[in-house]
Amino acid sequence: MGRTNPTYRDALRAIEERWADFRRALRRRDQPRFDQLWEYAREHADASGLLNHQNPLLPALVSIDLEQEARLDDHEERLAELEAAVDAAGDQEDGLPESDT
């Protein structure tokens, strides 16, 4: 039998293990955020594995960036909805008679 090449997921796991000391040095409040970044990278491991890049960290960083962009889009959409609701509430108040307070 021939030698088996490590999968992208194996390479990603090895990179994450090399960053373990960095994670431990982070403030406790930042450790879950750091872990979430690796989760983002794992979510795109299939696409990253197909790329077969020489440096597996680069597809991981792009994967993290994709997830961050998706979060930004979600927040911008939610903000637009909230702004529209505030504007609509303001328009309704403009139609009401003013009180003598």
PDB file of N, CA and C in Angstrom:
ATOM      1  N   MET A   1       0.835  -1.185   0.000  1.00  0.00           N
ATOM      2  CA  MET A   1       0.000   0.000   0.000  1.00  0.00           C
ATOM      3  C   MET A   1       0.876   1.243   0.000  1.00  0.00           C
ATOM      4  N   GLY A   2       0.362   2.286  -0.635  1.00  0.00           N
ATOM      5  CA  GLY A   2       1.098   3.544  -0.698  1.00  0.00           C
ATOM      6  C   GLY A   2       0.867   4.389   0.545  1.00  0.00           C
ATOM      7  N   ARG A   3       1.602   5.446   0.613  1.00  0.00           N
ATOM      8  CA  ARG A   3       1.458   6.376   1.740  1.00  0.00           C
ATOM      9  C   ARG A   3       0.210   7.225   1.542  1.00  0.00           C
ATOM     10  N   THR A   4      -0.438   7.519   2.631  1.00  0.00           N
ATOM     11  CA  THR A   4      -1.640   8.338   2.588  1.00  0.00           C
ATOM     12  C   THR A   4      -1.269   9.775   2.910  1.00  0.00           C
ATOM     13  N   ASN A   5      -1.708  10.684   2.062  1.00  0.00           N
ATOM     14  CA  ASN A   5      -1.488  12.100   2.341  1.00  0.00           C
ATOM     15  C   ASN A   5      -2.473  12.556   3.414  1.00  0.00           C
ATOM     16  N   PRO A   6      -2.026  13.431   4.311  1.00  0.00           N
ATOM     17  CA  PRO A   6      -2.958  13.934   5.327  1.00  0.00           C
ATOM     18  C   PRO A   6      -4.053  14.768   4.674  1.00  0.00           C
ATOM     19  N   THR A   7      -5.225  14.705   5.231  1.00  0.00           N
ATOM     20  CA  THR A   7      -6.333  15.487   4.704  1.00  0.00           C
ATOM     21  C   THR A   7      -6.179  16.941   5.129  1.00  0.00           C
ATOM     22  N   TYR A   8      -6.959  17.803   4.503  1.00  0.00           N
ATOM     23  CA  TYR A   8      -6.929  19.212   4.904  1.00  0.00           C
ATOM     24  C   TYR A   8      -7.364  19.347   6.355  1.00  0.00           C
ATOM     25  N   ARG A   9      -8.360  18.565   6.748  1.00  0.00           N
ATOM     26  CA  ARG A   9      -8.817  18.634   8.146  1.00  0.00           C
ATOM     27  C   ARG A   9      -7.686  18.272   9.114  1.00  0.00           C
ATOM     28  N   ASP A  10      -6.866  17.292   8.737  1.00  0.00           N
ATOM     29  CA  ASP A  10      -5.714  16.928   9.565  1.00  0.00           C
ATOM     30  C   ASP A  10      -4.723  18.092   9.648  1.00  0.00           C
ATOM     31  N   ALA A  11      -4.469  18.727   8.514  1.00  0.00           N
ATOM     32  CA  ALA A  11      -3.547  19.866   8.478  1.00  0.00           C
ATOM     33  C   ALA A  11      -4.089  21.015   9.319  1.00  0.00           C
ATOM     34  N   LEU A  12      -5.388  21.264   9.216  1.00  0.00           N
ATOM     35  CA  LEU A  12      -6.014  22.330   9.984  1.00  0.00           C
ATOM     36  C   LEU A  12      -5.919  22.048  11.485  1.00  0.00           C
ATOM     37  N   ARG A  13      -6.155  20.807  11.860  1.00  0.00           N
ATOM     38  CA  ARG A  13      -6.051  20.406  13.262  1.00  0.00           C
ATOM     39  C   ARG A  13      -4.611  20.606  13.762  1.00  0.00           C
ATOM     40  N   ALA A  14      -3.629  20.288  12.932  1.00  0.00           N
ATOM     41  CA  ALA A  14      -2.227  20.470  13.317  1.00  0.00           C
ATOM     42  C   ALA A  14      -1.901  21.958  13.501  1.00  0.00           C
ATOM     43  N   ILE A  15      -2.428  22.804  12.624  1.00  0.00           N
ATOM     44  CA  ILE A  15      -2.207  24.245  12.755  1.00  0.00           C
ATOM     45  C   ILE A  15      -2.825  24.742  14.054  1.00  0.00           C
ATOM     46  N   GLU A  16      -4.038  24.314  14.310  1.00  0.00           N
ATOM     47  CA  GLU A  16      -4.722  24.740  15.536  1.00  0.00           C
ATOM     48  C   GLU A  16      -3.925  24.307  16.770  1.00  0.00           C
ATOM     49  N   GLU A  17      -3.367  23.113  16.744  1.00  0.00           N
ATOM     50  CA  GLU A  17      -2.558  22.642  17.868  1.00  0.00           C
ATOM     51  C   GLU A  17      -1.299  23.487  18.046  1.00  0.00           C
ATOM     52  N   ARG A  18      -0.702  23.943  16.932  1.00  0.00           N
ATOM     53  CA  ARG A  18       0.485  24.795  17.028  1.00  0.00           C
ATOM     54  C   ARG A  18       0.152  26.154  17.646  1.00  0.00           C
ATOM     55  N   TRP A  19      -1.114  26.575  17.535  1.00  0.00           N
ATOM     56  CA  TRP A  19      -1.548  27.851  18.096  1.00  0.00           C
ATOM     57  C   TRP A  19      -2.070  27.699  19.529  1.00  0.00           C
ATOM     58  N   ALA A  20      -1.949  26.520  20.108  1.00  0.00           N
ATOM     59  CA  ALA A  20      -2.500  26.264  21.445  1.00  0.00           C
ATOM     60  C   ALA A  20      -1.868  27.159  22.505  1.00  0.00           C
ATOM     61  N   ASP A  21      -0.560  27.373  22.442  1.00  0.00           N
ATOM     62  CA  ASP A  21       0.089  28.252  23.427  1.00  0.00           C
ATOM     63  C   ASP A  21      -0.429  29.677  23.313  1.00  0.00           C
ATOM     64  N   PHE A  22      -0.645  30.131  22.086  1.00  0.00           N
ATOM     65  CA  PHE A  22      -1.207  31.468  21.870  1.00  0.00           C
ATOM     66  C   PHE A  22      -2.584  31.552  22.507  1.00  0.00           C
ATOM     67  N   ARG A  23      -3.397  30.526  22.283  1.00  0.00           N
ATOM     68  CA  ARG A  23      -4.746  30.513  22.855  1.00  0.00           C
ATOM     69  C   ARG A  23      -4.693  30.594  24.372  1.00  0.00           C
ATOM     70  N   ARG A  24      -3.812  29.790  24.984  1.00  0.00           N
ATOM     71  CA  ARG A  24      -3.706  29.798  26.448  1.00  0.00           C
ATOM     72  C   ARG A  24      -3.266  31.160  26.973  1.00  0.00           C
ATOM     73  N   ALA A  25      -2.479  31.891  26.184  1.00  0.00           N
ATOM     74  CA  ALA A  25      -1.996  33.201  26.617  1.00  0.00           C
ATOM     75  C   ALA A  25      -3.052  34.296  26.464  1.00  0.00           C
ATOM     76  N   LEU A  26      -4.105  34.026  25.699  1.00  0.00           N
ATOM     77  CA  LEU A  26      -5.166  35.008  25.529  1.00  0.00           C
ATOM     78  C   LEU A  26      -5.932  35.199  26.828  1.00  0.00           C
ATOM     79  N   ARG A  27      -6.537  36.368  26.946  1.00  0.00           N
ATOM     80  CA  ARG A  27      -7.441  36.584  28.077  1.00  0.00           C
ATOM     81  C   ARG A  27      -8.597  35.591  27.956  1.00  0.00           C
ATOM     82  N   ARG A  28      -9.111  35.222  29.099  1.00  0.00           N
ATOM     83  CA  ARG A  28     -10.175  34.213  29.132  1.00  0.00           C
ATOM     84  C   ARG A  28     -11.368  34.610  28.252  1.00  0.00           C
ATOM     85  N   ARG A  29     -11.687  35.917  28.214  1.00  0.00           N
ATOM     86  CA  ARG A  29     -12.841  36.362  27.419  1.00  0.00           C
ATOM     87  C   ARG A  29     -12.591  36.214  25.912  1.00  0.00           C
ATOM     88  N   ASP A  30     -11.319  36.202  25.497  1.00  0.00           N
ATOM     89  CA  ASP A  30     -10.998  36.083  24.070  1.00  0.00           C
ATOM     90  C   ASP A  30     -10.851  34.642  23.601  1.00  0.00           C
ATOM     91  N   GLN A  31     -10.676  33.716  24.500  1.00  0.00           N
ATOM     92  CA  GLN A  31     -10.485  32.318  24.106  1.00  0.00           C
ATOM     93  C   GLN A  31     -11.678  31.748  23.334  1.00  0.00           C
ATOM     94  N   PRO A  32     -12.934  31.995  23.761  1.00  0.00           N
ATOM     95  CA  PRO A  32     -14.058  31.489  22.953  1.00  0.00           C
ATOM     96  C   PRO A  32     -14.105  32.111  21.555  1.00  0.00           C
ATOM     97  N   ARG A  33     -13.706  33.365  21.444  1.00  0.00           N
ATOM     98  CA  ARG A  33     -13.665  34.009  20.127  1.00  0.00           C
ATOM     99  C   ARG A  33     -12.614  33.342  19.247  1.00  0.00           C
ATOM    100  N   PHE A  34     -11.471  33.057  19.817  1.00  0.00           N
ATOM    101  CA  PHE A  34     -10.414  32.369  19.090  1.00  0.00           C
ATOM    102  C   PHE A  34     -10.903  30.996  18.619  1.00  0.00           C
ATOM    103  N   ASP A  35     -11.575  30.283  19.511  1.00  0.00           N
ATOM    104  CA  ASP A  35     -12.119  28.966  19.160  1.00  0.00           C
ATOM    105  C   ASP A  35     -13.136  29.077  18.031  1.00  0.00           C
ATOM    106  N   GLN A  36     -13.938  30.127  18.054  1.00  0.00           N
ATOM    107  CA  GLN A  36     -14.946  30.325  17.009  1.00  0.00           C
ATOM    108  C   GLN A  36     -14.290  30.514  15.641  1.00  0.00           C
ATOM    109  N   LEU A  37     -13.155  31.191  15.599  1.00  0.00           N
ATOM    110  CA  LEU A  37     -12.451  31.367  14.327  1.00  0.00           C
ATOM    111  C   LEU A  37     -12.060  30.022  13.731  1.00  0.00           C
ATOM    112  N   TRP A  38     -11.602  29.118  14.560  1.00  0.00           N
ATOM    113  CA  TRP A  38     -11.236  27.786  14.057  1.00  0.00           C
ATOM    114  C   TRP A  38     -12.479  27.017  13.616  1.00  0.00           C
ATOM    115  N   GLU A  39     -13.583  27.245  14.306  1.00  0.00           N
ATOM    116  CA  GLU A  39     -14.842  26.610  13.872  1.00  0.00           C
ATOM    117  C   GLU A  39     -15.219  27.098  12.478  1.00  0.00           C
ATOM    118  N   TYR A  40     -15.057  28.392  12.246  1.00  0.00           N
ATOM    119  CA  TYR A  40     -15.323  28.940  10.914  1.00  0.00           C
ATOM    120  C   TYR A  40     -14.446  28.261   9.871  1.00  0.00           C
ATOM    121  N   ALA A  41     -13.183  28.079  10.184  1.00  0.00           N
ATOM    122  CA  ALA A  41     -12.262  27.432   9.237  1.00  0.00           C
ATOM    123  C   ALA A  41     -12.691  25.994   8.968  1.00  0.00           C
ATOM    124  N   ARG A  42     -13.128  25.285  10.008  1.00  0.00           N
ATOM    125  CA  ARG A  42     -13.573  23.893   9.826  1.00  0.00           C
ATOM    126  C   ARG A  42     -14.841  23.806   8.980  1.00  0.00           C
ATOM    127  N   GLU A  43     -15.693  24.835   9.058  1.00  0.00           N
ATOM    128  CA  GLU A  43     -16.937  24.823   8.288  1.00  0.00           C
ATOM    129  C   GLU A  43     -16.678  24.854   6.772  1.00  0.00           C
ATOM    130  N   HIS A  44     -15.522  25.342   6.367  1.00  0.00           N
ATOM    131  CA  HIS A  44     -15.190  25.423   4.940  1.00  0.00           C
ATOM    132  C   HIS A  44     -14.055  24.472   4.569  1.00  0.00           C
ATOM    133  N   ALA A  45     -13.836  23.454   5.380  1.00  0.00           N
ATOM    134  CA  ALA A  45     -12.726  22.535   5.150  1.00  0.00           C
ATOM    135  C   ALA A  45     -12.857  21.772   3.837  1.00  0.00           C
ATOM    136  N   ASP A  46     -14.079  21.478   3.421  1.00  0.00           N
ATOM    137  CA  ASP A  46     -14.256  20.757   2.151  1.00  0.00           C
ATOM    138  C   ASP A  46     -13.728  21.581   0.986  1.00  0.00           C
ATOM    139  N   ALA A  47     -14.128  22.845   0.923  1.00  0.00           N
ATOM    140  CA  ALA A  47     -13.667  23.719  -0.162  1.00  0.00           C
ATOM    141  C   ALA A  47     -12.164  23.957  -0.051  1.00  0.00           C
ATOM    142  N   SER A  48     -11.680  24.145   1.156  1.00  0.00           N
ATOM    143  CA  SER A  48     -10.250  24.383   1.355  1.00  0.00           C
ATOM    144  C   SER A  48      -9.425  23.172   0.947  1.00  0.00           C
ATOM    145  N   GLY A  49      -9.937  21.992   1.221  1.00  0.00           N
ATOM    146  CA  GLY A  49      -9.234  20.767   0.839  1.00  0.00           C
ATOM    147  C   GLY A  49      -9.140  20.609  -0.665  1.00  0.00           C
ATOM    148  N   LEU A  50     -10.167  21.038  -1.369  1.00  0.00           N
ATOM    149  CA  LEU A  50     -10.134  20.957  -2.837  1.00  0.00           C
ATOM    150  C   LEU A  50      -9.096  21.895  -3.429  1.00  0.00           C
ATOM    151  N   LEU A  51      -8.825  22.993  -2.755  1.00  0.00           N
ATOM    152  CA  LEU A  51      -7.829  23.949  -3.225  1.00  0.00           C
ATOM    153  C   LEU A  51      -6.431  23.341  -3.185  1.00  0.00           C
ATOM    154  N   ASN A  52      -6.162  22.515  -2.179  1.00  0.00           N
ATOM    155  CA  ASN A  52      -4.866  21.848  -2.039  1.00  0.00           C
ATOM    156  C   ASN A  52      -3.714  22.857  -2.070  1.00  0.00           C
ATOM    157  N   HIS A  53      -3.856  23.920  -1.308  1.00  0.00           N
ATOM    158  CA  HIS A  53      -2.863  24.993  -1.260  1.00  0.00           C
ATOM    159  C   HIS A  53      -1.622  24.524  -0.507  1.00  0.00           C
ATOM    160  N   GLN A  54      -0.468  25.055  -0.883  1.00  0.00           N
ATOM    161  CA  GLN A  54       0.782  24.682  -0.208  1.00  0.00           C
ATOM    162  C   GLN A  54       0.777  25.096   1.254  1.00  0.00           C
ATOM    163  N   ASN A  55       0.144  26.226   1.542  1.00  0.00           N
ATOM    164  CA  ASN A  55       0.069  26.713   2.915  1.00  0.00           C
ATOM    165  C   ASN A  55      -1.379  26.589   3.383  1.00  0.00           C
ATOM    166  N   PRO A  56      -1.708  25.571   4.186  1.00  0.00           N
ATOM    167  CA  PRO A  56      -3.109  25.355   4.587  1.00  0.00           C
ATOM    168  C   PRO A  56      -3.679  26.469   5.458  1.00  0.00           C
ATOM    169  N   LEU A  57      -2.824  27.330   5.995  1.00  0.00           N
ATOM    170  CA  LEU A  57      -3.335  28.430   6.806  1.00  0.00           C
ATOM    171  C   LEU A  57      -4.065  29.465   5.945  1.00  0.00           C
ATOM    172  N   LEU A  58      -3.628  29.664   4.717  1.00  0.00           N
ATOM    173  CA  LEU A  58      -4.256  30.671   3.861  1.00  0.00           C
ATOM    174  C   LEU A  58      -5.720  30.348   3.556  1.00  0.00           C
ATOM    175  N   PRO A  59      -6.078  29.128   3.150  1.00  0.00           N
ATOM    176  CA  PRO A  59      -7.509  28.843   2.973  1.00  0.00           C
ATOM    177  C   PRO A  59      -8.296  28.957   4.276  1.00  0.00           C
ATOM    178  N   ALA A  60      -7.651  28.654   5.405  1.00  0.00           N
ATOM    179  CA  ALA A  60      -8.331  28.796   6.702  1.00  0.00           C
ATOM    180  C   ALA A  60      -8.657  30.263   6.950  1.00  0.00           C
ATOM    181  N   LEU A  61      -7.716  31.148   6.643  1.00  0.00           N
ATOM    182  CA  LEU A  61      -7.951  32.575   6.852  1.00  0.00           C
ATOM    183  C   LEU A  61      -9.049  33.101   5.935  1.00  0.00           C
ATOM    184  N   VAL A  62      -9.081  32.627   4.696  1.00  0.00           N
ATOM    185  CA  VAL A  62     -10.143  33.046   3.778  1.00  0.00           C
ATOM    186  C   VAL A  62     -11.490  32.508   4.277  1.00  0.00           C
ATOM    187  N   SER A  63     -11.498  31.297   4.790  1.00  0.00           N
ATOM    188  CA  SER A  63     -12.729  30.725   5.345  1.00  0.00           C
ATOM    189  C   SER A  63     -13.232  31.555   6.521  1.00  0.00           C
ATOM    190  N   ILE A  64     -12.323  31.955   7.389  1.00  0.00           N
ATOM    191  CA  ILE A  64     -12.687  32.790   8.528  1.00  0.00           C
ATOM    192  C   ILE A  64     -13.254  34.112   8.028  1.00  0.00           C
ATOM    193  N   ASP A  65     -12.602  34.678   7.007  1.00  0.00           N
ATOM    194  CA  ASP A  65     -13.066  35.947   6.447  1.00  0.00           C
ATOM    195  C   ASP A  65     -14.461  35.808   5.838  1.00  0.00           C
ATOM    196  N   LEU A  66     -14.723  34.701   5.155  1.00  0.00           N
ATOM    197  CA  LEU A  66     -16.058  34.472   4.587  1.00  0.00           C
ATOM    198  C   LEU A  66     -17.128  34.468   5.667  1.00  0.00           C
ATOM    199  N   GLU A  67     -16.840  33.788   6.764  1.00  0.00           N
ATOM    200  CA  GLU A  67     -17.805  33.732   7.856  1.00  0.00           C
ATOM    201  C   GLU A  67     -17.990  35.103   8.503  1.00  0.00           C
ATOM    202  N   GLN A  68     -16.909  35.855   8.633  1.00  0.00           N
ATOM    203  CA  GLN A  68     -17.017  37.201   9.183  1.00  0.00           C
ATOM    204  C   GLN A  68     -17.864  38.083   8.267  1.00  0.00           C
ATOM    205  N   GLU A  69     -17.676  37.952   6.958  1.00  0.00           N
ATOM    206  CA  GLU A  69     -18.483  38.711   5.995  1.00  0.00           C
ATOM    207  C   GLU A  69     -19.959  38.345   6.119  1.00  0.00           C
ATOM    208  N   ALA A  70     -20.246  37.065   6.280  1.00  0.00           N
ATOM    209  CA  ALA A  70     -21.637  36.631   6.442  1.00  0.00           C
ATOM    210  C   ALA A  70     -22.238  37.242   7.704  1.00  0.00           C
ATOM    211  N   ARG A  71     -21.458  37.279   8.782  1.00  0.00           N
ATOM    212  CA  ARG A  71     -21.950  37.887  10.024  1.00  0.00           C
ATOM    213  C   ARG A  71     -22.202  39.381   9.837  1.00  0.00           C
ATOM    214  N   LEU A  72     -21.291  40.059   9.141  1.00  0.00           N
ATOM    215  CA  LEU A  72     -21.484  41.486   8.868  1.00  0.00           C
ATOM    216  C   LEU A  72     -22.755  41.716   8.054  1.00  0.00           C
ATOM    217  N   ASP A  73     -22.954  40.886   7.034  1.00  0.00           N
ATOM    218  CA  ASP A  73     -24.170  41.018   6.222  1.00  0.00           C
ATOM    219  C   ASP A  73     -25.417  40.847   7.079  1.00  0.00           C
ATOM    220  N   ASP A  74     -25.402  39.845   7.957  1.00  0.00           N
ATOM    221  CA  ASP A  74     -26.547  39.615   8.844  1.00  0.00           C
ATOM    222  C   ASP A  74     -26.793  40.814   9.758  1.00  0.00           C
ATOM    223  N   HIS A  75     -25.729  41.360  10.304  1.00  0.00           N
ATOM    224  CA  HIS A  75     -25.870  42.522  11.192  1.00  0.00           C
ATOM    225  C   HIS A  75     -26.364  43.754  10.430  1.00  0.00           C
ATOM    226  N   GLU A  76     -25.850  43.950   9.224  1.00  0.00           N
ATOM    227  CA  GLU A  76     -26.301  45.096   8.429  1.00  0.00           C
ATOM    228  C   GLU A  76     -27.766  44.968   8.054  1.00  0.00           C
ATOM    229  N   GLU A  77     -28.192  43.752   7.735  1.00  0.00           N
ATOM    230  CA  GLU A  77     -29.599  43.514   7.414  1.00  0.00           C
ATOM    231  C   GLU A  77     -30.479  43.780   8.636  1.00  0.00           C
ATOM    232  N   ARG A  78     -30.054  43.292   9.782  1.00  0.00           N
ATOM    233  CA  ARG A  78     -30.817  43.513  11.021  1.00  0.00           C
ATOM    234  C   ARG A  78     -30.856  44.992  11.370  1.00  0.00           C
ATOM    235  N   LEU A  79     -29.753  45.693  11.193  1.00  0.00           N
ATOM    236  CA  LEU A  79     -29.708  47.122  11.466  1.00  0.00           C
ATOM    237  C   LEU A  79     -30.661  47.873  10.545  1.00  0.00           C
ATOM    238  N   ALA A  80     -30.699  47.500   9.271  1.00  0.00           N
ATOM    239  CA  ALA A  80     -31.608  48.155   8.330  1.00  0.00           C
ATOM    240  C   ALA A  80     -33.061  47.924   8.747  1.00  0.00           C
ATOM    241  N   GLU A  81     -33.374  46.712   9.205  1.00  0.00           N
ATOM    242  CA  GLU A  81     -34.735  46.416   9.670  1.00  0.00           C
ATOM    243  C   GLU A  81     -35.081  47.269  10.890  1.00  0.00           C
ATOM    244  N   LEU A  82     -34.163  47.373  11.819  1.00  0.00           N
ATOM    245  CA  LEU A  82     -34.413  48.175  13.022  1.00  0.00           C
ATOM    246  C   LEU A  82     -34.557  49.653  12.683  1.00  0.00           C
ATOM    247  N   GLU A  83     -33.722  50.153  11.781  1.00  0.00           N
ATOM    248  CA  GLU A  83     -33.836  51.554  11.374  1.00  0.00           C
ATOM    249  C   GLU A  83     -35.170  51.815  10.689  1.00  0.00           C
ATOM    250  N   ALA A  84     -35.612  50.863   9.847  1.00  0.00           N
ATOM    251  CA  ALA A  84     -36.898  51.016   9.176  1.00  0.00           C
ATOM    252  C   ALA A  84     -38.031  51.024  10.203  1.00  0.00           C
ATOM    253  N   ALA A  85     -37.930  50.175  11.218  1.00  0.00           N
ATOM    254  CA  ALA A  85     -38.960  50.134  12.257  1.00  0.00           C
ATOM    255  C   ALA A  85     -38.987  51.435  13.048  1.00  0.00           C
ATOM    256  N   VAL A  86     -37.823  51.982  13.349  1.00  0.00           N
ATOM    257  CA  VAL A  86     -37.755  53.253  14.075  1.00  0.00           C
ATOM    258  C   VAL A  86     -38.334  54.372  13.221  1.00  0.00           C
ATOM    259  N   ASP A  87     -37.993  54.393  11.934  1.00  0.00           N
ATOM    260  CA  ASP A  87     -38.534  55.410  11.030  1.00  0.00           C
ATOM    261  C   ASP A  87     -40.052  55.302  10.923  1.00  0.00           C
ATOM    262  N   ALA A  88     -40.548  54.065  10.830  1.00  0.00           N
ATOM    263  CA  ALA A  88     -41.997  53.865  10.735  1.00  0.00           C
ATOM    264  C   ALA A  88     -42.683  54.330  12.015  1.00  0.00           C
ATOM    265  N   ALA A  89     -42.077  54.051  13.158  1.00  0.00           N
ATOM    266  CA  ALA A  89     -42.652  54.490  14.427  1.00  0.00           C
ATOM    267  C   ALA A  89     -42.640  56.013  14.511  1.00  0.00           C
ATOM    268  N   GLY A  90     -41.580  56.628  14.009  1.00  0.00           N
ATOM    269  CA  GLY A  90     -41.509  58.098  13.993  1.00  0.00           C
ATOM    270  C   GLY A  90     -42.551  58.695  13.078  1.00  0.00           C
ATOM    271  N   ASP A  91     -42.813  58.065  11.939  1.00  0.00           N
ATOM    272  CA  ASP A  91     -43.826  58.552  11.010  1.00  0.00           C
ATOM    273  C   ASP A  91     -45.217  58.452  11.624  1.00  0.00           C
ATOM    274  N   GLN A  92     -45.459  57.382  12.390  1.00  0.00           N
ATOM    275  CA  GLN A  92     -46.753  57.227  13.045  1.00  0.00           C
ATOM    276  C   GLN A  92     -46.941  58.293  14.113  1.00  0.00           C
ATOM    277  N   GLU A  93     -45.875  58.604  14.834  1.00  0.00           N
ATOM    278  CA  GLU A  93     -45.976  59.631  15.876  1.00  0.00           C
ATOM    279  C   GLU A  93     -46.230  61.003  15.260  1.00  0.00           C
ATOM    280  N   ASP A  94     -45.671  61.248  14.069  1.00  0.00           N
ATOM    281  CA  ASP A  94     -45.884  62.541  13.406  1.00  0.00           C
ATOM    282  C   ASP A  94     -47.353  62.738  13.036  1.00  0.00           C
ATOM    283  N   GLY A  95     -48.093  61.669  12.830  1.00  0.00           N
ATOM    284  CA  GLY A  95     -49.492  61.768  12.471  1.00  0.00           C
ATOM    285  C   GLY A  95     -50.401  61.991  13.663  1.00  0.00           C
ATOM    286  N   LEU A  96     -49.890  61.822  14.884  1.00  0.00           N
ATOM    287  CA  LEU A  96     -50.699  61.990  16.081  1.00  0.00           C
ATOM    288  C   LEU A  96     -50.788  63.460  16.461  1.00  0.00           C
ATOM    289  N   PRO A  97     -51.912  63.881  17.049  1.00  0.00           N
ATOM    290  CA  PRO A  97     -52.000  65.278  17.524  1.00  0.00           C
ATOM    291  C   PRO A  97     -51.019  65.494  18.678  1.00  0.00           C
ATOM    292  N   GLU A  98     -50.448  66.683  18.745  1.00  0.00           N
ATOM    293  CA  GLU A  98     -49.477  66.980  19.807  1.00  0.00           C
ATOM    294  C   GLU A  98     -50.219  67.200  21.108  1.00  0.00           C
ATOM    295  N   SER A  99     -49.586  66.787  22.200  1.00  0.00           N
ATOM    296  CA  SER A  99     -50.206  66.965  23.517  1.00  0.00           C
ATOM    297  C   SER A  99     -49.725  68.267  24.131  1.00  0.00           C
ATOM    298  N   ASP A 100     -50.439  68.731  25.162  1.00  0.00           N
ATOM    299  CA  ASP A 100     -50.112  69.997  25.826  1.00  0.00           C
ATOM    300  C   ASP A 100     -49.304  69.740  27.083  1.00  0.00           C
ATOM    301  N   THR A 101     -48.243  69.001  27.013  1.00  0.00           N
ATOM    302  CA  THR A 101     -47.444  68.736  28.226  1.00  0.00           C
ATOM    303  C   THR A 101     -46.334  69.681  28.409  1.00  0.00           C
TER     304      THR A 101
END
